[in-house]
């Protein structure tokens, strides 16, 4: 959905032998009556994906599983303590072949609205993305940017003057499909209940 055309599906292919394992967390939480997901704006001077919009995450440490890394990075980057986080499951891994990272996304939820504390050495800012904005297809667009030395038309999700693209958008795209499927299943159950009650 959000994969650049020039990637030819390689983001979902097998990793190479020199690929480094990483994990990210998609943390769902309520603010008011709406569900949100936090995204970080990486500091521009960082060597890896500097200045880009990302999900909290990073490389796995020695003897660490990907879900443990995702929870650790939540606390290190945006100050969300592990004790209140419930892991719901893993989404599809993404092979970032240009930077040689193999990223496993983990979907998580927290009961209370977090009080975010940003790690200023890594994070320049925070975007609280409403789930409703992710589901709004009118916010999907394309922009032209240089990717690996070539000018490409890249799909993005537009929100609050930001363009969310690349791996982050691809991961959020899968979350949107899961939400669509859940909504469709809920509607079918509702219709079946109404049909049985009227018969």
Protein backbone atom coordinates (compact mmCIF):
# COMPACT_ATOMS: atom_id res chain seq x y z
CA UNK A 1 0.00 0.00 0.00
CA UNK A 2 2.72 2.49 0.99
CA UNK A 3 5.71 0.70 -0.57
CA UNK A 4 7.54 2.76 -3.25
CA UNK A 5 7.05 1.30 -6.72
CA UNK A 6 10.78 1.10 -7.38
CA UNK A 7 11.19 -1.33 -4.45
CA UNK A 8 9.49 -4.11 -6.48
CA UNK A 9 8.35 -5.91 -3.32
CA UNK A 10 11.85 -6.31 -1.88
CA UNK A 11 10.80 -4.86 1.48
CA UNK A 12 8.88 -8.07 2.11
CA UNK A 13 11.56 -10.42 0.82
CA UNK A 14 14.11 -12.44 2.80
CA UNK A 15 16.97 -10.58 4.55
CA UNK A 16 20.56 -10.80 3.36
CA UNK A 17 23.30 -12.40 5.46
CA UNK A 18 24.61 -9.02 6.66
CA UNK A 19 21.22 -7.71 7.77
CA UNK A 20 20.88 -6.39 11.33
CA UNK A 21 17.86 -7.37 13.44
CA UNK A 22 15.64 -4.57 14.74
CA UNK A 23 12.18 -4.10 16.21
CA UNK A 24 9.61 -1.31 16.47
CA UNK A 25 6.52 -0.83 18.62
CA UNK A 26 3.08 0.30 17.42
CA UNK A 27 1.62 1.47 20.72
CA UNK A 28 -2.14 2.07 20.75
CA UNK A 29 -3.56 4.26 23.52
CA UNK A 30 -6.59 6.42 24.15
CA UNK A 31 -6.52 10.18 24.40
CA UNK A 32 -10.04 11.29 25.18
CA UNK A 33 -12.35 9.02 23.21
CA UNK A 34 -9.95 8.42 20.31
CA UNK A 35 -7.22 5.84 19.78
CA UNK A 36 -3.75 7.14 18.90
CA UNK A 37 -0.32 5.81 17.90
CA UNK A 38 2.88 7.72 18.83
CA UNK A 39 5.44 8.41 16.12
CA UNK A 40 8.86 9.94 16.67
CA UNK A 41 10.65 12.54 14.59
CA UNK A 42 14.26 11.38 14.58
CA UNK A 43 16.98 13.96 15.16
CA UNK A 44 18.39 15.07 11.78
CA UNK A 45 22.02 14.37 12.73
CA UNK A 46 21.43 10.66 13.41
CA UNK A 47 23.34 8.38 11.04
CA UNK A 48 20.40 6.01 10.52
CA UNK A 49 17.22 7.54 9.02
CA UNK A 50 17.99 10.98 10.49
CA UNK A 51 15.11 13.46 10.31
CA UNK A 52 12.55 10.83 9.35
CA UNK A 53 9.28 9.94 11.07
CA UNK A 54 9.54 6.57 12.77
CA UNK A 55 7.93 4.21 15.20
CA UNK A 56 9.80 3.79 18.50
CA UNK A 57 12.38 1.07 17.97
CA UNK A 58 15.95 0.07 17.30
CA UNK A 59 18.44 -2.76 17.02
CA UNK A 60 18.20 -5.88 19.15
CA UNK A 61 20.77 -6.19 21.91
CA UNK A 62 22.63 -9.42 22.64
CA UNK A 63 20.32 -12.29 23.73
CA UNK A 64 17.26 -10.05 23.33
CA UNK A 65 14.07 -11.07 21.52
CA UNK A 66 12.35 -8.68 19.14
CA UNK A 67 9.38 -8.10 21.46
CA UNK A 68 11.74 -7.34 24.35
CA UNK A 69 13.60 -4.86 22.14
CA UNK A 70 10.35 -3.15 21.13
CA UNK A 71 9.30 -2.69 24.76
CA UNK A 72 12.76 -1.48 25.78
CA UNK A 73 12.82 1.09 22.99
CA UNK A 74 9.39 2.39 24.02
CA UNK A 75 10.82 3.30 27.39
CA UNK A 76 14.18 4.54 26.12
CA UNK A 77 12.82 6.76 23.33
CA UNK A 78 9.49 8.08 24.64
CA UNK A 79 9.41 7.13 28.33
CA UNK A 80 6.59 4.55 28.29
CA UNK A 81 7.30 2.09 31.14
CA UNK A 82 7.19 -1.60 30.22
CA UNK A 83 4.96 -2.51 33.18
CA UNK A 84 1.80 -1.05 31.67
CA UNK A 85 2.30 -2.30 28.10
CA UNK A 86 0.41 -5.34 26.78
CA UNK A 87 1.84 -6.94 23.64
CA UNK A 88 -0.92 -7.99 21.21
CA UNK A 89 1.13 -9.64 18.49
CA UNK A 90 3.61 -9.33 15.66
CA UNK A 91 3.02 -7.78 12.26
CA UNK A 92 4.84 -8.60 9.03
CA UNK A 93 8.63 -8.07 9.16
CA UNK A 94 10.09 -5.50 6.77
CA UNK A 95 13.43 -5.84 5.02
CA UNK A 96 15.06 -2.40 4.78
CA UNK A 97 17.54 -3.51 2.15
CA UNK A 98 19.09 -0.07 1.64
CA UNK A 99 20.12 0.31 5.31
CA UNK A 100 20.40 -3.48 5.94
CA UNK A 101 17.86 -3.69 8.76
CA UNK A 102 15.30 -6.47 9.18
CA UNK A 103 12.55 -4.89 11.27
CA UNK A 104 9.90 -6.79 13.23
CA UNK A 105 6.90 -4.59 14.19
CA UNK A 106 5.00 -5.39 17.40
CA UNK A 107 1.48 -4.17 18.12
CA UNK A 108 0.93 -3.16 21.74
CA UNK A 109 -1.66 -1.39 23.86
CA UNK A 110 -1.54 0.56 27.11
CA UNK A 111 -4.52 1.14 29.38
CA UNK A 112 -3.79 4.70 30.46
CA UNK A 113 -2.81 7.66 28.33
CA UNK A 114 1.01 7.79 28.55
CA UNK A 115 2.97 10.75 29.85
CA UNK A 116 5.65 10.89 27.18
CA UNK A 117 9.23 11.75 28.10
CA UNK A 118 11.35 12.10 24.97
CA UNK A 119 14.97 11.00 24.73
CA UNK A 120 16.38 14.24 23.33
CA UNK A 121 19.55 12.57 22.07
CA UNK A 122 17.48 10.57 19.55
CA UNK A 123 14.04 12.18 19.30
CA UNK A 124 13.40 15.69 18.02
CA UNK A 125 9.63 15.58 18.39
CA UNK A 126 6.53 13.44 18.85
CA UNK A 127 3.48 12.99 16.62
CA UNK A 128 0.35 11.57 18.22
CA UNK A 129 -1.35 10.05 15.17
CA UNK A 130 -5.10 9.44 15.64
CA UNK A 131 -6.23 6.08 14.36
CA UNK A 132 -9.04 7.92 12.57
CA UNK A 133 -6.43 9.79 10.48
CA UNK A 134 -4.77 6.50 9.55
CA UNK A 135 -8.14 5.14 8.38
CA UNK A 136 -8.92 8.30 6.34
CA UNK A 137 -8.00 7.43 2.76
CA UNK A 138 -8.30 11.08 1.69
CA UNK A 139 -5.05 11.71 3.60
CA UNK A 140 -3.11 9.33 1.35
CA UNK A 141 -1.00 10.99 -1.33
CA UNK A 142 2.33 10.92 -3.11
CA UNK A 143 5.38 13.16 -3.18
CA UNK A 144 8.62 13.16 -5.13
CA UNK A 145 11.88 12.71 -3.27
CA UNK A 146 15.35 11.34 -3.84
CA UNK A 147 15.70 7.71 -2.78
CA UNK A 148 19.11 6.03 -3.15
CA UNK A 149 20.21 8.62 -5.70
CA UNK A 150 17.10 8.55 -7.90
CA UNK A 151 14.04 10.79 -7.92
CA UNK A 152 10.96 8.71 -7.12
CA UNK A 153 7.24 9.16 -6.57
CA UNK A 154 6.67 7.95 -3.02
CA UNK A 155 3.31 7.20 -1.34
CA UNK A 156 2.65 8.85 2.01
CA UNK A 157 0.10 9.52 4.72
CA UNK A 158 -0.34 13.27 5.31
CA UNK A 159 -1.04 14.43 8.85
CA UNK A 160 -0.54 17.77 10.58
CA UNK A 161 1.90 19.16 7.99
CA UNK A 162 3.89 15.90 8.04
CA UNK A 163 4.34 13.30 5.33
CA UNK A 164 4.66 9.80 6.81
CA UNK A 165 6.31 7.47 4.32
CA UNK A 166 8.77 4.62 3.93
CA UNK A 167 8.87 1.72 6.41
CA UNK A 168 6.75 3.57 8.97
CA UNK A 169 3.95 4.08 6.45
CA UNK A 170 4.18 0.46 5.28
CA UNK A 171 3.82 -0.82 8.84
CA UNK A 172 0.92 1.54 9.54
CA UNK A 173 -0.65 0.40 6.27
CA UNK A 174 -0.81 -3.16 7.59
CA UNK A 175 -2.37 -1.87 10.83
CA UNK A 176 -5.00 -0.10 8.74
CA UNK A 177 -5.80 -3.32 6.88
CA UNK A 178 -6.17 -5.17 10.21
CA UNK A 179 -8.55 -2.48 11.44
CA UNK A 180 -10.53 -2.69 8.19
CA UNK A 181 -10.82 -6.48 8.59
CA UNK A 182 -11.90 -6.14 12.23
CA UNK A 183 -14.52 -3.55 11.31
CA UNK A 184 -15.85 -5.74 8.47
CA UNK A 185 -16.02 -8.77 10.77
CA UNK A 186 -17.85 -6.71 13.38
CA UNK A 187 -20.40 -5.55 10.81
CA UNK A 188 -21.01 -9.14 9.66
CA UNK A 189 -21.58 -10.26 13.26
CA UNK A 190 -23.95 -7.34 13.83
CA UNK A 191 -25.94 -8.18 10.69
CA UNK A 192 -26.13 -11.88 11.64
CA UNK A 193 -27.40 -10.92 15.12
CA UNK A 194 -30.05 -8.60 13.66
CA UNK A 195 -31.10 -11.31 11.19
CA UNK A 196 -31.47 -13.97 13.90
CA UNK A 197 -33.44 -11.61 16.14
CA UNK A 198 -35.88 -10.72 13.36
CA UNK A 199 -36.49 -14.35 12.32
